[in-house]
N, C-alpha and C. Protein backbone atom coordinates (compact mmCIF):
# COMPACT_ATOMS: atom_id res chain seq x y z
N MET A 1 -35.45 -1.92 9.50
CA MET A 1 -34.40 -0.99 9.12
C MET A 1 -34.62 0.29 9.93
N SER A 2 -33.53 0.87 10.43
CA SER A 2 -33.65 2.08 11.24
C SER A 2 -33.98 3.27 10.36
N LYS A 3 -34.49 4.34 11.00
CA LYS A 3 -34.84 5.55 10.26
C LYS A 3 -33.60 6.16 9.60
N ALA A 4 -32.47 6.10 10.28
CA ALA A 4 -31.23 6.67 9.73
C ALA A 4 -30.81 5.92 8.47
N LYS A 5 -30.87 4.58 8.51
CA LYS A 5 -30.49 3.78 7.34
C LYS A 5 -31.47 4.02 6.19
N THR A 6 -32.75 4.12 6.50
CA THR A 6 -33.76 4.39 5.48
C THR A 6 -33.52 5.76 4.83
N ALA A 7 -33.22 6.74 5.67
CA ALA A 7 -32.95 8.09 5.16
C ALA A 7 -31.73 8.09 4.25
N LEU A 8 -30.66 7.39 4.64
CA LEU A 8 -29.45 7.30 3.81
C LEU A 8 -29.74 6.60 2.49
N LEU A 9 -30.53 5.55 2.54
CA LEU A 9 -30.89 4.82 1.33
C LEU A 9 -31.68 5.73 0.37
N VAL A 10 -32.66 6.44 0.90
CA VAL A 10 -33.47 7.35 0.08
C VAL A 10 -32.59 8.46 -0.50
N LEU A 11 -31.68 9.01 0.33
CA LEU A 11 -30.77 10.06 -0.14
C LEU A 11 -29.88 9.53 -1.26
N GLY A 12 -29.34 8.32 -1.09
CA GLY A 12 -28.49 7.72 -2.12
C GLY A 12 -29.22 7.52 -3.43
N ILE A 13 -30.46 7.03 -3.35
CA ILE A 13 -31.26 6.83 -4.57
C ILE A 13 -31.55 8.17 -5.23
N ALA A 14 -31.91 9.18 -4.43
CA ALA A 14 -32.21 10.50 -4.99
C ALA A 14 -30.99 11.10 -5.67
N LEU A 15 -29.82 11.00 -5.04
CA LEU A 15 -28.60 11.53 -5.65
C LEU A 15 -28.26 10.78 -6.94
N GLY A 16 -28.45 9.47 -6.94
CA GLY A 16 -28.20 8.68 -8.14
C GLY A 16 -29.11 9.10 -9.29
N LEU A 17 -30.39 9.34 -8.99
CA LEU A 17 -31.33 9.78 -10.03
C LEU A 17 -30.96 11.17 -10.55
N ILE A 18 -30.57 12.06 -9.64
CA ILE A 18 -30.17 13.41 -10.06
C ILE A 18 -28.94 13.34 -10.94
N PHE A 19 -27.93 12.56 -10.52
CA PHE A 19 -26.70 12.43 -11.30
C PHE A 19 -26.99 11.86 -12.68
N THR A 20 -27.83 10.84 -12.75
CA THR A 20 -28.19 10.23 -14.02
C THR A 20 -28.92 11.22 -14.92
N ALA A 21 -29.81 12.02 -14.35
CA ALA A 21 -30.57 12.99 -15.14
C ALA A 21 -29.67 14.08 -15.70
N LEU A 22 -28.58 14.39 -15.01
CA LEU A 22 -27.69 15.45 -15.46
C LEU A 22 -26.72 15.00 -16.55
N GLN A 23 -26.59 13.71 -16.77
CA GLN A 23 -25.68 13.20 -17.80
C GLN A 23 -26.29 13.45 -19.18
N PRO A 24 -25.45 13.89 -20.14
CA PRO A 24 -26.01 14.11 -21.48
C PRO A 24 -26.41 12.78 -22.11
N SER A 25 -27.54 12.78 -22.76
CA SER A 25 -27.96 11.58 -23.48
C SER A 25 -27.20 11.54 -24.80
N PRO A 26 -27.10 10.37 -25.43
CA PRO A 26 -26.42 10.31 -26.72
C PRO A 26 -27.00 11.30 -27.73
N ALA A 27 -28.32 11.54 -27.66
CA ALA A 27 -28.94 12.47 -28.60
C ALA A 27 -28.49 13.91 -28.33
N GLN A 28 -28.24 14.24 -27.05
CA GLN A 28 -27.81 15.59 -26.70
C GLN A 28 -26.36 15.82 -27.08
N GLY A 29 -25.56 14.82 -26.95
CA GLY A 29 -24.13 14.97 -27.18
C GLY A 29 -23.45 15.59 -25.98
N ALA A 30 -22.16 15.62 -26.04
CA ALA A 30 -21.36 16.16 -24.95
C ALA A 30 -20.43 17.23 -25.50
N GLU A 31 -19.95 18.07 -24.60
CA GLU A 31 -18.92 19.05 -24.97
C GLU A 31 -17.59 18.32 -24.91
N ARG A 32 -16.84 18.33 -25.99
CA ARG A 32 -15.54 17.66 -26.04
C ARG A 32 -14.48 18.67 -26.43
N VAL A 33 -13.47 18.83 -25.59
CA VAL A 33 -12.32 19.67 -25.92
C VAL A 33 -11.13 18.73 -26.05
N ILE A 34 -10.50 18.74 -27.21
CA ILE A 34 -9.40 17.82 -27.50
C ILE A 34 -8.19 18.63 -27.91
N TYR A 35 -7.07 18.36 -27.26
CA TYR A 35 -5.82 19.07 -27.54
C TYR A 35 -5.00 18.27 -28.55
N VAL A 36 -4.57 18.95 -29.61
CA VAL A 36 -3.85 18.31 -30.71
C VAL A 36 -2.56 19.08 -30.95
N GLN A 37 -1.50 18.36 -31.29
CA GLN A 37 -0.22 18.99 -31.62
C GLN A 37 0.14 18.70 -33.07
N ALA A 38 0.66 19.74 -33.74
CA ALA A 38 1.25 19.57 -35.07
C ALA A 38 2.74 19.37 -34.82
N MET A 39 3.22 18.15 -35.02
CA MET A 39 4.56 17.78 -34.58
C MET A 39 5.47 17.33 -35.72
N GLU A 40 6.75 17.33 -35.43
CA GLU A 40 7.76 16.82 -36.35
C GLU A 40 8.76 15.98 -35.56
N PRO A 41 8.47 14.68 -35.36
CA PRO A 41 9.46 13.82 -34.72
C PRO A 41 10.69 13.72 -35.62
N LYS A 42 11.87 13.75 -35.00
CA LYS A 42 13.12 13.70 -35.76
C LYS A 42 14.04 12.64 -35.18
N GLY A 43 14.89 12.14 -36.03
CA GLY A 43 15.95 11.24 -35.60
C GLY A 43 17.19 11.52 -36.41
N GLY A 44 18.33 11.31 -35.81
CA GLY A 44 19.58 11.55 -36.51
C GLY A 44 20.70 10.70 -35.95
N VAL A 45 21.71 10.49 -36.78
CA VAL A 45 22.85 9.66 -36.39
C VAL A 45 23.99 9.98 -37.35
N THR A 46 25.18 9.56 -37.00
CA THR A 46 26.33 9.75 -37.90
C THR A 46 26.56 8.48 -38.71
N VAL A 47 27.14 8.67 -39.89
CA VAL A 47 27.32 7.54 -40.82
C VAL A 47 28.26 6.46 -40.27
N ASP A 48 29.11 6.80 -39.31
CA ASP A 48 29.98 5.77 -38.73
C ASP A 48 29.19 4.81 -37.84
N LYS A 49 28.01 5.23 -37.39
CA LYS A 49 27.17 4.37 -36.56
C LYS A 49 26.06 3.70 -37.36
N GLU A 50 25.62 4.38 -38.40
CA GLU A 50 24.53 3.85 -39.22
C GLU A 50 24.63 4.47 -40.60
N PRO A 51 24.70 3.66 -41.66
CA PRO A 51 24.86 4.22 -43.00
C PRO A 51 23.62 5.01 -43.43
N PHE A 52 23.87 6.02 -44.25
CA PHE A 52 22.78 6.82 -44.81
C PHE A 52 21.96 5.94 -45.75
N PRO A 53 20.62 5.90 -45.59
CA PRO A 53 19.81 4.99 -46.41
C PRO A 53 19.76 5.36 -47.88
N GLY A 54 19.79 6.63 -48.20
CA GLY A 54 19.87 7.06 -49.59
C GLY A 54 18.66 6.81 -50.46
N GLY A 55 17.64 6.14 -49.97
CA GLY A 55 16.45 5.88 -50.78
C GLY A 55 15.55 7.10 -50.89
N GLU A 56 14.57 6.99 -51.76
CA GLU A 56 13.60 8.06 -51.95
C GLU A 56 12.45 7.89 -50.96
N LEU A 57 12.04 8.99 -50.38
CA LEU A 57 10.85 9.00 -49.53
C LEU A 57 9.70 9.60 -50.32
N PRO A 58 8.45 9.31 -49.93
CA PRO A 58 7.31 9.88 -50.66
C PRO A 58 7.39 11.40 -50.75
N LYS A 59 6.99 11.93 -51.88
CA LYS A 59 6.98 13.38 -52.11
C LYS A 59 5.80 14.01 -51.37
N GLY A 60 5.89 15.31 -51.15
CA GLY A 60 4.79 16.04 -50.55
C GLY A 60 5.18 16.87 -49.35
N GLY A 61 6.39 16.72 -48.84
CA GLY A 61 6.84 17.54 -47.72
C GLY A 61 6.62 16.93 -46.35
N GLY A 62 5.94 15.80 -46.28
CA GLY A 62 5.67 15.18 -44.98
C GLY A 62 6.84 14.39 -44.43
N TYR A 63 7.71 13.93 -45.31
CA TYR A 63 8.91 13.20 -44.91
C TYR A 63 10.13 13.99 -45.36
N VAL A 64 11.12 14.09 -44.49
CA VAL A 64 12.34 14.83 -44.82
C VAL A 64 13.54 13.94 -44.48
N LEU A 65 14.42 13.74 -45.45
CA LEU A 65 15.65 12.98 -45.25
C LEU A 65 16.81 13.89 -45.64
N LYS A 66 17.61 14.29 -44.65
CA LYS A 66 18.73 15.19 -44.90
C LYS A 66 20.01 14.37 -45.05
N LYS A 67 20.72 14.64 -46.13
CA LYS A 67 21.98 13.93 -46.41
C LYS A 67 23.02 14.26 -45.34
N PRO A 68 24.02 13.40 -45.21
CA PRO A 68 25.06 13.64 -44.21
C PRO A 68 25.74 15.00 -44.40
N ASP A 69 25.96 15.68 -43.27
CA ASP A 69 26.67 16.97 -43.30
C ASP A 69 28.18 16.71 -43.27
N ALA A 70 28.98 17.75 -43.10
CA ALA A 70 30.44 17.64 -43.11
C ALA A 70 30.96 16.70 -42.01
N LYS A 71 30.21 16.56 -40.94
CA LYS A 71 30.62 15.67 -39.84
C LYS A 71 30.03 14.27 -39.99
N GLY A 72 29.29 14.04 -41.06
CA GLY A 72 28.71 12.71 -41.31
C GLY A 72 27.36 12.48 -40.64
N ARG A 73 26.76 13.52 -40.09
CA ARG A 73 25.46 13.36 -39.43
C ARG A 73 24.33 13.53 -40.45
N TRP A 74 23.41 12.57 -40.45
CA TRP A 74 22.22 12.66 -41.29
C TRP A 74 20.98 12.59 -40.41
N GLU A 75 19.87 13.13 -40.92
CA GLU A 75 18.63 13.18 -40.14
C GLU A 75 17.43 12.78 -40.99
N VAL A 76 16.42 12.28 -40.30
CA VAL A 76 15.14 11.97 -40.92
C VAL A 76 14.05 12.53 -40.02
N SER A 77 12.99 13.03 -40.63
CA SER A 77 11.87 13.55 -39.85
C SER A 77 10.57 13.34 -40.62
N THR A 78 9.49 13.46 -39.89
CA THR A 78 8.16 13.35 -40.49
C THR A 78 7.21 14.25 -39.73
N TYR A 79 6.20 14.74 -40.39
CA TYR A 79 5.21 15.59 -39.74
C TYR A 79 3.97 14.77 -39.43
N THR A 80 3.37 15.02 -38.26
CA THR A 80 2.20 14.26 -37.83
C THR A 80 1.25 15.14 -37.01
N TRP A 81 0.00 14.73 -36.97
CA TRP A 81 -0.96 15.25 -36.00
C TRP A 81 -0.88 14.31 -34.80
N ASN A 82 -0.90 14.84 -33.61
CA ASN A 82 -0.87 14.01 -32.41
C ASN A 82 -1.96 14.48 -31.45
N PRO A 83 -3.00 13.67 -31.21
CA PRO A 83 -3.20 12.32 -31.72
C PRO A 83 -3.61 12.36 -33.19
N SER A 84 -3.35 11.26 -33.87
CA SER A 84 -3.70 11.20 -35.29
C SER A 84 -5.11 10.64 -35.51
N GLN A 85 -5.69 10.12 -34.45
CA GLN A 85 -7.05 9.59 -34.54
C GLN A 85 -7.88 10.20 -33.40
N ILE A 86 -8.99 10.81 -33.75
CA ILE A 86 -9.87 11.44 -32.78
C ILE A 86 -11.22 10.75 -32.89
N ILE A 87 -11.74 10.29 -31.75
CA ILE A 87 -13.01 9.55 -31.73
C ILE A 87 -14.02 10.32 -30.89
N VAL A 88 -15.17 10.62 -31.48
CA VAL A 88 -16.26 11.31 -30.79
C VAL A 88 -17.56 10.60 -31.14
N ARG A 89 -18.63 11.03 -30.50
CA ARG A 89 -19.96 10.48 -30.79
C ARG A 89 -20.79 11.49 -31.58
N LYS A 90 -21.66 10.95 -32.39
CA LYS A 90 -22.58 11.80 -33.14
C LYS A 90 -23.36 12.65 -32.13
N GLY A 91 -23.44 13.95 -32.41
CA GLY A 91 -24.12 14.87 -31.51
C GLY A 91 -23.18 15.64 -30.60
N ASP A 92 -21.94 15.15 -30.45
CA ASP A 92 -20.96 15.86 -29.61
C ASP A 92 -20.62 17.21 -30.22
N ARG A 93 -20.43 18.19 -29.34
CA ARG A 93 -19.92 19.49 -29.75
C ARG A 93 -18.42 19.46 -29.50
N VAL A 94 -17.66 19.50 -30.56
CA VAL A 94 -16.21 19.25 -30.50
C VAL A 94 -15.44 20.55 -30.69
N THR A 95 -14.46 20.75 -29.83
CA THR A 95 -13.53 21.86 -29.98
C THR A 95 -12.13 21.28 -29.99
N LEU A 96 -11.42 21.49 -31.09
CA LEU A 96 -10.02 21.08 -31.18
C LEU A 96 -9.16 22.29 -30.89
N LYS A 97 -8.21 22.13 -29.98
CA LYS A 97 -7.23 23.17 -29.67
C LYS A 97 -5.92 22.65 -30.23
N ILE A 98 -5.50 23.21 -31.37
CA ILE A 98 -4.35 22.67 -32.10
C ILE A 98 -3.18 23.64 -31.96
N ILE A 99 -2.05 23.14 -31.46
CA ILE A 99 -0.86 23.98 -31.33
C ILE A 99 0.22 23.50 -32.29
N GLY A 100 0.87 24.45 -32.92
CA GLY A 100 1.99 24.12 -33.80
C GLY A 100 3.26 23.99 -32.97
N ILE A 101 3.90 22.85 -33.05
CA ILE A 101 5.16 22.61 -32.35
C ILE A 101 6.31 22.80 -33.33
N ASN A 102 6.22 22.15 -34.47
CA ASN A 102 7.24 22.27 -35.51
C ASN A 102 6.57 22.60 -36.83
N GLY A 103 7.35 23.17 -37.71
CA GLY A 103 6.81 23.59 -39.01
C GLY A 103 6.26 25.00 -38.89
N GLU A 104 6.65 25.84 -39.84
CA GLU A 104 6.22 27.25 -39.80
C GLU A 104 4.70 27.36 -39.80
N LYS A 105 4.05 26.57 -40.68
CA LYS A 105 2.59 26.57 -40.71
C LYS A 105 2.08 25.24 -41.25
N HIS A 106 0.84 24.97 -40.90
CA HIS A 106 0.13 23.78 -41.36
C HIS A 106 -1.24 24.24 -41.82
N THR A 107 -1.53 24.07 -43.10
CA THR A 107 -2.83 24.41 -43.65
C THR A 107 -3.68 23.15 -43.58
N GLY A 108 -4.58 23.11 -42.61
CA GLY A 108 -5.33 21.89 -42.35
C GLY A 108 -6.77 21.97 -42.78
N LEU A 109 -7.40 20.80 -42.83
CA LEU A 109 -8.83 20.69 -43.08
C LEU A 109 -9.33 19.40 -42.46
N ILE A 110 -10.61 19.38 -42.17
CA ILE A 110 -11.26 18.17 -41.67
C ILE A 110 -12.43 17.90 -42.61
N GLU A 111 -12.30 16.81 -43.34
CA GLU A 111 -13.32 16.42 -44.31
C GLU A 111 -14.72 16.51 -43.69
N HIS A 112 -15.65 17.06 -44.40
CA HIS A 112 -17.05 17.23 -44.02
C HIS A 112 -17.23 18.28 -42.91
N TYR A 113 -16.45 18.22 -41.86
CA TYR A 113 -16.67 19.08 -40.70
C TYR A 113 -16.01 20.44 -40.79
N HIS A 114 -14.88 20.53 -41.41
CA HIS A 114 -14.21 21.82 -41.55
C HIS A 114 -13.48 21.83 -42.89
N PRO A 115 -14.25 21.74 -44.01
CA PRO A 115 -13.62 21.70 -45.33
C PRO A 115 -12.91 23.00 -45.67
N LYS A 116 -13.34 24.11 -45.04
CA LYS A 116 -12.64 25.37 -45.22
C LYS A 116 -11.32 25.25 -44.45
N GLN A 117 -10.24 25.58 -45.11
CA GLN A 117 -8.93 25.39 -44.49
C GLN A 117 -8.73 26.29 -43.28
N PHE A 118 -7.97 25.76 -42.32
CA PHE A 118 -7.55 26.53 -41.16
C PHE A 118 -6.03 26.48 -41.11
N THR A 119 -5.42 27.46 -40.47
CA THR A 119 -3.96 27.52 -40.42
C THR A 119 -3.48 27.37 -38.99
N VAL A 120 -2.51 26.48 -38.81
CA VAL A 120 -1.86 26.27 -37.51
C VAL A 120 -0.43 26.77 -37.65
N LYS A 121 -0.02 27.64 -36.72
CA LYS A 121 1.34 28.18 -36.74
C LYS A 121 2.08 27.77 -35.48
N ARG A 122 3.38 27.72 -35.59
CA ARG A 122 4.23 27.34 -34.46
C ARG A 122 3.98 28.27 -33.27
N GLY A 123 3.74 27.68 -32.10
CA GLY A 123 3.57 28.44 -30.87
C GLY A 123 2.22 29.09 -30.67
N VAL A 124 1.30 28.85 -31.58
CA VAL A 124 -0.03 29.48 -31.52
C VAL A 124 -1.09 28.38 -31.47
N ILE A 125 -2.09 28.56 -30.62
CA ILE A 125 -3.20 27.60 -30.58
C ILE A 125 -4.29 28.06 -31.54
N THR A 126 -4.66 27.17 -32.45
CA THR A 126 -5.76 27.40 -33.39
C THR A 126 -6.95 26.60 -32.89
N THR A 127 -8.11 27.24 -32.80
CA THR A 127 -9.32 26.57 -32.32
C THR A 127 -10.23 26.25 -33.51
N VAL A 128 -10.63 24.98 -33.59
CA VAL A 128 -11.55 24.51 -34.63
C VAL A 128 -12.72 23.86 -33.91
N SER A 129 -13.93 24.36 -34.15
CA SER A 129 -15.12 23.84 -33.46
C SER A 129 -16.17 23.39 -34.47
N PHE A 130 -16.89 22.34 -34.10
CA PHE A 130 -17.98 21.83 -34.94
C PHE A 130 -18.85 20.90 -34.11
N THR A 131 -20.04 20.62 -34.62
CA THR A 131 -20.91 19.61 -34.03
C THR A 131 -20.82 18.37 -34.90
N ALA A 132 -20.56 17.24 -34.26
CA ALA A 132 -20.41 15.97 -34.99
C ALA A 132 -21.81 15.48 -35.39
N ASN A 133 -22.26 15.87 -36.58
CA ASN A 133 -23.64 15.58 -37.00
C ASN A 133 -23.76 14.42 -37.98
N LYS A 134 -22.64 13.82 -38.34
CA LYS A 134 -22.67 12.72 -39.31
C LYS A 134 -21.66 11.66 -38.87
N ALA A 135 -22.13 10.41 -38.76
CA ALA A 135 -21.25 9.32 -38.36
C ALA A 135 -20.36 8.91 -39.53
N GLY A 136 -19.17 8.42 -39.22
CA GLY A 136 -18.26 7.93 -40.25
C GLY A 136 -16.82 8.27 -39.93
N ARG A 137 -15.97 8.05 -40.94
CA ARG A 137 -14.53 8.36 -40.84
C ARG A 137 -14.24 9.52 -41.78
N PHE A 138 -13.53 10.51 -41.25
CA PHE A 138 -13.26 11.72 -42.01
C PHE A 138 -11.78 12.07 -41.92
N ARG A 139 -11.21 12.43 -43.04
CA ARG A 139 -9.78 12.74 -43.15
C ARG A 139 -9.45 14.07 -42.49
N ILE A 140 -8.35 14.09 -41.76
CA ILE A 140 -7.76 15.33 -41.24
C ILE A 140 -6.44 15.47 -41.98
N GLY A 141 -6.28 16.53 -42.74
CA GLY A 141 -5.09 16.66 -43.58
C GLY A 141 -4.34 17.95 -43.38
N CYS A 142 -3.13 17.97 -43.93
CA CYS A 142 -2.27 19.16 -43.94
C CYS A 142 -1.71 19.29 -45.34
N ASP A 143 -1.93 20.44 -45.98
CA ASP A 143 -1.47 20.65 -47.35
C ASP A 143 0.05 20.62 -47.50
N GLU A 144 0.76 21.17 -46.53
CA GLU A 144 2.22 21.29 -46.66
C GLU A 144 2.97 19.99 -46.40
N HIS A 145 2.35 19.04 -45.71
CA HIS A 145 3.11 17.88 -45.25
C HIS A 145 2.42 16.55 -45.60
N LYS A 146 2.13 16.38 -46.89
CA LYS A 146 1.56 15.13 -47.37
C LYS A 146 2.68 14.13 -47.58
N PRO A 147 2.52 12.89 -47.53
CA PRO A 147 1.33 12.16 -47.12
C PRO A 147 1.32 11.82 -45.63
N SER A 148 2.36 12.18 -44.89
CA SER A 148 2.45 11.71 -43.51
C SER A 148 1.55 12.44 -42.52
N MET A 149 1.26 13.71 -42.76
CA MET A 149 0.47 14.46 -41.80
C MET A 149 -1.01 14.30 -42.12
N GLU A 150 -1.46 13.08 -41.92
CA GLU A 150 -2.85 12.69 -42.15
C GLU A 150 -3.37 12.08 -40.86
N GLY A 151 -4.58 12.39 -40.54
CA GLY A 151 -5.23 11.79 -39.39
C GLY A 151 -6.65 11.46 -39.76
N GLU A 152 -7.41 11.01 -38.77
CA GLU A 152 -8.82 10.74 -39.05
C GLU A 152 -9.68 11.08 -37.85
N LEU A 153 -10.83 11.62 -38.17
CA LEU A 153 -11.87 11.86 -37.19
C LEU A 153 -12.86 10.72 -37.35
N ILE A 154 -13.13 10.02 -36.26
CA ILE A 154 -14.12 8.94 -36.29
C ILE A 154 -15.31 9.40 -35.46
N VAL A 155 -16.47 9.47 -36.09
CA VAL A 155 -17.69 9.86 -35.40
C VAL A 155 -18.54 8.59 -35.29
N LEU A 156 -18.75 8.15 -34.05
CA LEU A 156 -19.53 6.95 -33.79
C LEU A 156 -21.01 7.28 -33.79
N ASP A 157 -21.80 6.42 -34.41
CA ASP A 157 -23.24 6.60 -34.39
C ASP A 157 -23.74 6.18 -33.01
N ASN A 158 -24.79 6.84 -32.56
CA ASN A 158 -25.33 6.49 -31.23
C ASN A 158 -26.11 5.24 -31.37
């Protein structure tokens, strides 16, 4: 093998070892920044195209069904966290950047990790930070928009 090829091989191995050493181990955890939206998907149609369903939706403010207006248009909407499922590893340092898209406010909580309520307002980013120190599934909720505005934080054990 030529000296140039040997030098390149040694350089490649050295860079690989350096890169591997710089990666966080599962015990160290990683910095995770996750962007979340507080959303209200909506749909609407006129009664001449689709009849008004008229049924009851679950109580709690998370589902809204508006009766037909003077022009026969009716609407349905629901509030959600997007994404509704967040997956991290135990030991990760997690920062959620939550922006309110619809709804005046959302009083949220994250079971175990942020049991103290936080408020998300339309057009404002709310930052929620924690270290994922316990594996499991944890509820992400909103007081104003139950039962639809529910999500889950999944913390994987290393």
